């Protein structure tokens, strides 16, 4: 199994596993959002390499509603999860 196949195989459970696998999960992602400069209305353009299911970008999108995202991900099933996440927020990232 190559890396792309491995990520595709775990796409369905990936988000559920993150809090277990990452110590201080909430603090980790909250800090990543907090260090972004500008106020929350700033129109950011963000390139997310290895976007996975869009978990990190989705958290940024929630705080910066005017941000635009380009998501790149090798695993198609992960990218489909990211697209679903953004669709639920009324957004459509480029890929």
Protein backbone atom coordinates (compact mmCIF):
# COMPACT_ATOMS: atom_id res chain seq x y z
CA UNK A 1 0.00 0.00 0.00
CA UNK A 2 1.45 3.38 -0.95
CA UNK A 3 0.95 6.62 1.00
CA UNK A 4 -1.90 7.82 -1.21
CA UNK A 5 -3.77 4.55 -0.72
CA UNK A 6 -3.15 4.69 3.03
CA UNK A 7 -4.59 8.19 3.33
CA UNK A 8 -7.54 7.31 1.11
CA UNK A 9 -8.21 4.28 3.32
CA UNK A 10 -8.26 6.41 6.49
CA UNK A 11 -10.19 9.38 5.09
CA UNK A 12 -13.48 8.37 6.72
CA UNK A 13 -11.99 8.19 10.25
CA UNK A 14 -9.21 10.75 9.90
CA UNK A 15 -10.90 13.65 11.73
CA UNK A 16 -12.09 11.39 14.55
CA UNK A 17 -8.53 10.21 15.18
CA UNK A 18 -6.88 13.65 15.28
CA UNK A 19 -7.80 14.58 18.88
CA UNK A 20 -6.49 11.22 20.06
CA UNK A 21 -3.24 11.39 18.10
CA UNK A 22 -2.37 15.05 18.69
CA UNK A 23 -1.71 16.01 22.31
CA UNK A 24 -3.43 19.30 23.21
CA UNK A 25 -5.39 19.13 19.94
CA UNK A 26 -7.55 22.21 20.62
CA UNK A 27 -4.62 24.35 21.74
CA UNK A 28 -2.54 23.24 18.75
CA UNK A 29 -5.12 24.27 16.14
CA UNK A 30 -6.31 27.34 18.05
CA UNK A 31 -2.74 28.66 18.21
CA UNK A 32 -2.29 28.09 14.48
CA UNK A 33 -5.31 30.31 13.82
CA UNK A 34 -4.40 32.95 16.41
CA UNK A 35 -0.97 33.67 14.89
CA UNK A 36 -2.46 34.72 11.56
CA UNK A 37 -2.00 38.50 11.28
CA UNK A 38 -4.82 40.89 10.46
CA UNK A 39 -8.32 41.31 11.70
CA UNK A 40 -10.98 38.73 11.02
CA UNK A 41 -12.33 40.58 7.97
CA UNK A 42 -8.98 40.54 6.15
CA UNK A 43 -9.36 38.96 2.66
CA UNK A 44 -6.63 36.31 2.90
CA UNK A 45 -5.48 34.00 0.10
CA UNK A 46 -4.30 30.71 1.58
CA UNK A 47 -2.56 27.77 -0.07
CA UNK A 48 -2.89 24.61 2.03
CA UNK A 49 -0.38 21.98 0.92
CA UNK A 50 -1.26 18.51 2.15
CA UNK A 51 -4.70 19.77 3.12
CA UNK A 52 -6.01 16.39 4.22
CA UNK A 53 -9.67 16.71 5.12
CA UNK A 54 -9.39 20.50 5.38
CA UNK A 55 -9.48 20.42 9.17
CA UNK A 56 -6.93 23.21 9.66
CA UNK A 57 -8.19 25.33 6.77
CA UNK A 58 -11.76 24.89 7.96
CA UNK A 59 -10.80 26.29 11.36
CA UNK A 60 -9.15 29.26 9.68
CA UNK A 61 -12.20 29.77 7.46
CA UNK A 62 -14.45 29.86 10.50
CA UNK A 63 -12.46 32.77 11.96
CA UNK A 64 -11.59 34.54 8.67
CA UNK A 65 -14.80 34.36 6.60
CA UNK A 66 -13.30 36.43 3.75
CA UNK A 67 -10.37 34.07 3.26
CA UNK A 68 -10.05 32.16 0.00
CA UNK A 69 -8.40 28.77 -0.05
CA UNK A 70 -6.58 26.59 -2.52
CA UNK A 71 -6.28 23.07 -1.16
CA UNK A 72 -3.78 20.56 -2.51
CA UNK A 73 -3.95 16.95 -1.41
CA UNK A 74 -2.59 13.75 -2.93
CA UNK A 75 -5.37 11.55 -1.54
CA UNK A 76 -8.58 12.14 -3.48
CA UNK A 77 -10.84 10.85 -0.69
CA UNK A 78 -9.26 13.28 1.79
CA UNK A 79 -9.85 16.15 -0.62
CA UNK A 80 -13.48 15.08 -1.03
CA UNK A 81 -13.88 15.36 2.77
CA UNK A 82 -12.33 18.84 2.64
CA UNK A 83 -14.71 19.91 -0.12
CA UNK A 84 -17.64 18.63 1.93
CA UNK A 85 -16.41 20.57 4.99
CA UNK A 86 -16.24 23.81 3.01
CA UNK A 87 -19.59 23.17 1.31
CA UNK A 88 -21.22 22.88 4.73
CA UNK A 89 -19.82 26.34 5.48
CA UNK A 90 -21.19 27.73 2.20
CA UNK A 91 -17.72 27.96 0.67
CA UNK A 92 -15.96 26.32 -2.23
CA UNK A 93 -12.16 26.01 -2.08
CA UNK A 94 -10.10 25.70 -5.24
CA UNK A 95 -8.19 22.48 -5.76
